[in-house]
Amino acid sequence: MGELSTLLNIGNKVEQQLNEVGIRTINQLIEIDSRQAWLRIKRIDDSACINRLYALEGAI
């Protein structure tokens, strides 16, 4: 469990996916923005639905 999973709506799986796409800190997530983070995750996981985008937005 890392820094990102301390955010609301971000569990271990989403944190792992964020790490895989190069997002490792809360500041990086904020700078990249939830939509861009979701699009990056979508490239590696076709099952990343709109609810994951909502979770990322809620976390930010």
N, C-alpha and C. Protein backbone atom coordinates (compact mmCIF):
# COMPACT_ATOMS: atom_id res chain seq x y z
N MET A 1 0.85 -1.18 0.00
CA MET A 1 0.00 0.00 0.00
C MET A 1 0.89 1.24 0.00
N GLY A 2 0.63 2.12 -0.93
CA GLY A 2 1.45 3.32 -1.06
C GLY A 2 0.66 4.58 -0.80
N GLU A 3 1.23 5.67 -1.24
CA GLU A 3 0.66 7.00 -1.01
C GLU A 3 -0.70 7.17 -1.66
N LEU A 4 -0.87 6.68 -2.88
CA LEU A 4 -2.12 6.91 -3.61
C LEU A 4 -3.31 6.21 -2.96
N SER A 5 -3.08 5.06 -2.38
CA SER A 5 -4.21 4.33 -1.79
C SER A 5 -4.69 4.96 -0.48
N THR A 6 -4.03 6.02 -0.02
CA THR A 6 -4.53 6.75 1.14
C THR A 6 -5.66 7.69 0.75
N LEU A 7 -5.81 7.92 -0.56
CA LEU A 7 -6.88 8.80 -1.05
C LEU A 7 -8.22 8.07 -1.05
N LEU A 8 -9.27 8.83 -0.86
CA LEU A 8 -10.62 8.31 -0.95
C LEU A 8 -10.83 7.72 -2.34
N ASN A 9 -11.45 6.57 -2.44
CA ASN A 9 -11.79 5.90 -3.71
C ASN A 9 -10.64 5.15 -4.38
N ILE A 10 -9.43 5.23 -3.86
CA ILE A 10 -8.29 4.57 -4.50
C ILE A 10 -7.88 3.36 -3.65
N GLY A 11 -8.13 2.20 -4.21
CA GLY A 11 -7.74 0.96 -3.53
C GLY A 11 -6.41 0.47 -4.10
N ASN A 12 -6.01 -0.70 -3.63
CA ASN A 12 -4.73 -1.26 -4.06
C ASN A 12 -4.66 -1.51 -5.56
N LYS A 13 -5.76 -2.00 -6.15
CA LYS A 13 -5.75 -2.31 -7.58
C LYS A 13 -5.58 -1.04 -8.41
N VAL A 14 -6.33 -0.01 -8.10
CA VAL A 14 -6.24 1.24 -8.87
C VAL A 14 -4.86 1.87 -8.65
N GLU A 15 -4.36 1.80 -7.43
CA GLU A 15 -3.02 2.34 -7.17
C GLU A 15 -1.98 1.59 -8.02
N GLN A 16 -2.10 0.29 -8.09
CA GLN A 16 -1.17 -0.51 -8.90
C GLN A 16 -1.25 -0.08 -10.37
N GLN A 17 -2.46 0.11 -10.86
CA GLN A 17 -2.62 0.54 -12.26
C GLN A 17 -2.03 1.94 -12.47
N LEU A 18 -2.26 2.83 -11.53
CA LEU A 18 -1.68 4.17 -11.64
C LEU A 18 -0.16 4.09 -11.68
N ASN A 19 0.41 3.26 -10.83
CA ASN A 19 1.86 3.07 -10.84
C ASN A 19 2.34 2.54 -12.17
N GLU A 20 1.60 1.59 -12.74
CA GLU A 20 1.97 1.01 -14.04
C GLU A 20 2.00 2.04 -15.16
N VAL A 21 1.18 3.05 -15.05
CA VAL A 21 1.15 4.09 -16.10
C VAL A 21 1.97 5.31 -15.72
N GLY A 22 2.81 5.17 -14.69
CA GLY A 22 3.75 6.22 -14.35
C GLY A 22 3.30 7.25 -13.35
N ILE A 23 2.19 6.99 -12.68
CA ILE A 23 1.68 7.93 -11.67
C ILE A 23 1.91 7.29 -10.31
N ARG A 24 2.82 7.88 -9.51
CA ARG A 24 3.20 7.27 -8.25
C ARG A 24 2.91 8.14 -7.03
N THR A 25 2.60 9.40 -7.24
CA THR A 25 2.35 10.29 -6.11
C THR A 25 1.02 11.02 -6.28
N ILE A 26 0.54 11.54 -5.19
CA ILE A 26 -0.70 12.32 -5.22
C ILE A 26 -0.52 13.56 -6.09
N ASN A 27 0.62 14.22 -5.95
CA ASN A 27 0.88 15.42 -6.76
C ASN A 27 0.89 15.10 -8.25
N GLN A 28 1.47 13.97 -8.63
CA GLN A 28 1.46 13.58 -10.05
C GLN A 28 0.03 13.37 -10.53
N LEU A 29 -0.79 12.72 -9.72
CA LEU A 29 -2.18 12.49 -10.10
C LEU A 29 -2.92 13.81 -10.27
N ILE A 30 -2.70 14.74 -9.37
CA ILE A 30 -3.37 16.04 -9.47
C ILE A 30 -2.90 16.78 -10.72
N GLU A 31 -1.60 16.76 -10.99
CA GLU A 31 -1.06 17.46 -12.16
C GLU A 31 -1.55 16.85 -13.47
N ILE A 32 -1.60 15.53 -13.52
CA ILE A 32 -2.00 14.85 -14.74
C ILE A 32 -3.50 15.00 -14.97
N ASP A 33 -4.27 14.99 -13.89
CA ASP A 33 -5.73 15.16 -13.92
C ASP A 33 -6.40 13.80 -14.08
N SER A 34 -7.56 13.69 -13.52
CA SER A 34 -8.26 12.40 -13.47
C SER A 34 -8.56 11.82 -14.85
N ARG A 35 -8.94 12.67 -15.79
CA ARG A 35 -9.29 12.17 -17.13
C ARG A 35 -8.07 11.57 -17.83
N GLN A 36 -6.95 12.26 -17.77
CA GLN A 36 -5.74 11.74 -18.42
C GLN A 36 -5.25 10.47 -17.72
N ALA A 37 -5.36 10.44 -16.40
CA ALA A 37 -4.96 9.24 -15.65
C ALA A 37 -5.85 8.07 -16.07
N TRP A 38 -7.14 8.31 -16.19
CA TRP A 38 -8.07 7.26 -16.60
C TRP A 38 -7.78 6.77 -18.01
N LEU A 39 -7.49 7.69 -18.91
CA LEU A 39 -7.17 7.30 -20.29
C LEU A 39 -5.91 6.44 -20.33
N ARG A 40 -4.94 6.76 -19.50
CA ARG A 40 -3.73 5.93 -19.43
C ARG A 40 -4.06 4.54 -18.92
N ILE A 41 -4.88 4.47 -17.89
CA ILE A 41 -5.29 3.16 -17.34
C ILE A 41 -6.09 2.40 -18.39
N LYS A 42 -6.95 3.08 -19.09
CA LYS A 42 -7.80 2.44 -20.11
C LYS A 42 -6.94 1.75 -21.18
N ARG A 43 -5.77 2.31 -21.48
CA ARG A 43 -4.88 1.69 -22.47
C ARG A 43 -4.34 0.34 -22.01
N ILE A 44 -4.21 0.15 -20.70
CA ILE A 44 -3.68 -1.12 -20.20
C ILE A 44 -4.76 -2.04 -19.66
N ASP A 45 -5.98 -1.51 -19.48
CA ASP A 45 -7.08 -2.30 -18.92
C ASP A 45 -8.39 -1.89 -19.58
N ASP A 46 -8.82 -2.69 -20.54
CA ASP A 46 -10.07 -2.38 -21.26
C ASP A 46 -11.29 -2.35 -20.35
N SER A 47 -11.21 -2.98 -19.19
CA SER A 47 -12.36 -3.02 -18.30
C SER A 47 -12.50 -1.75 -17.45
N ALA A 48 -11.59 -0.80 -17.62
CA ALA A 48 -11.64 0.44 -16.84
C ALA A 48 -12.84 1.27 -17.31
N CYS A 49 -13.92 1.17 -16.57
CA CYS A 49 -15.17 1.83 -16.97
C CYS A 49 -15.22 3.26 -16.43
N ILE A 50 -16.30 3.92 -16.74
CA ILE A 50 -16.50 5.31 -16.35
C ILE A 50 -16.47 5.47 -14.83
N ASN A 51 -16.85 4.42 -14.10
CA ASN A 51 -16.82 4.49 -12.64
C ASN A 51 -15.40 4.67 -12.11
N ARG A 52 -14.42 4.13 -12.82
CA ARG A 52 -13.03 4.32 -12.41
C ARG A 52 -12.64 5.79 -12.59
N LEU A 53 -13.11 6.39 -13.67
CA LEU A 53 -12.87 7.83 -13.87
C LEU A 53 -13.50 8.63 -12.73
N TYR A 54 -14.71 8.29 -12.37
CA TYR A 54 -15.39 8.99 -11.27
C TYR A 54 -14.61 8.83 -9.96
N ALA A 55 -14.08 7.63 -9.74
CA ALA A 55 -13.31 7.37 -8.52
C ALA A 55 -12.05 8.24 -8.49
N LEU A 56 -11.38 8.34 -9.64
CA LEU A 56 -10.19 9.18 -9.71
C LEU A 56 -10.53 10.64 -9.49
N GLU A 57 -11.61 11.10 -10.09
CA GLU A 57 -12.03 12.49 -9.90
C GLU A 57 -12.38 12.75 -8.45
N GLY A 58 -13.07 11.82 -7.82
CA GLY A 58 -13.42 11.98 -6.40
C GLY A 58 -12.19 11.99 -5.51
N ALA A 59 -11.17 11.23 -5.90
CA ALA A 59 -9.94 11.17 -5.11
C ALA A 59 -9.19 12.49 -5.16
N ILE A 60 -9.23 13.11 -6.33
CA ILE A 60 -8.54 14.41 -6.48
C ILE A 60 -9.31 15.50 -5.78
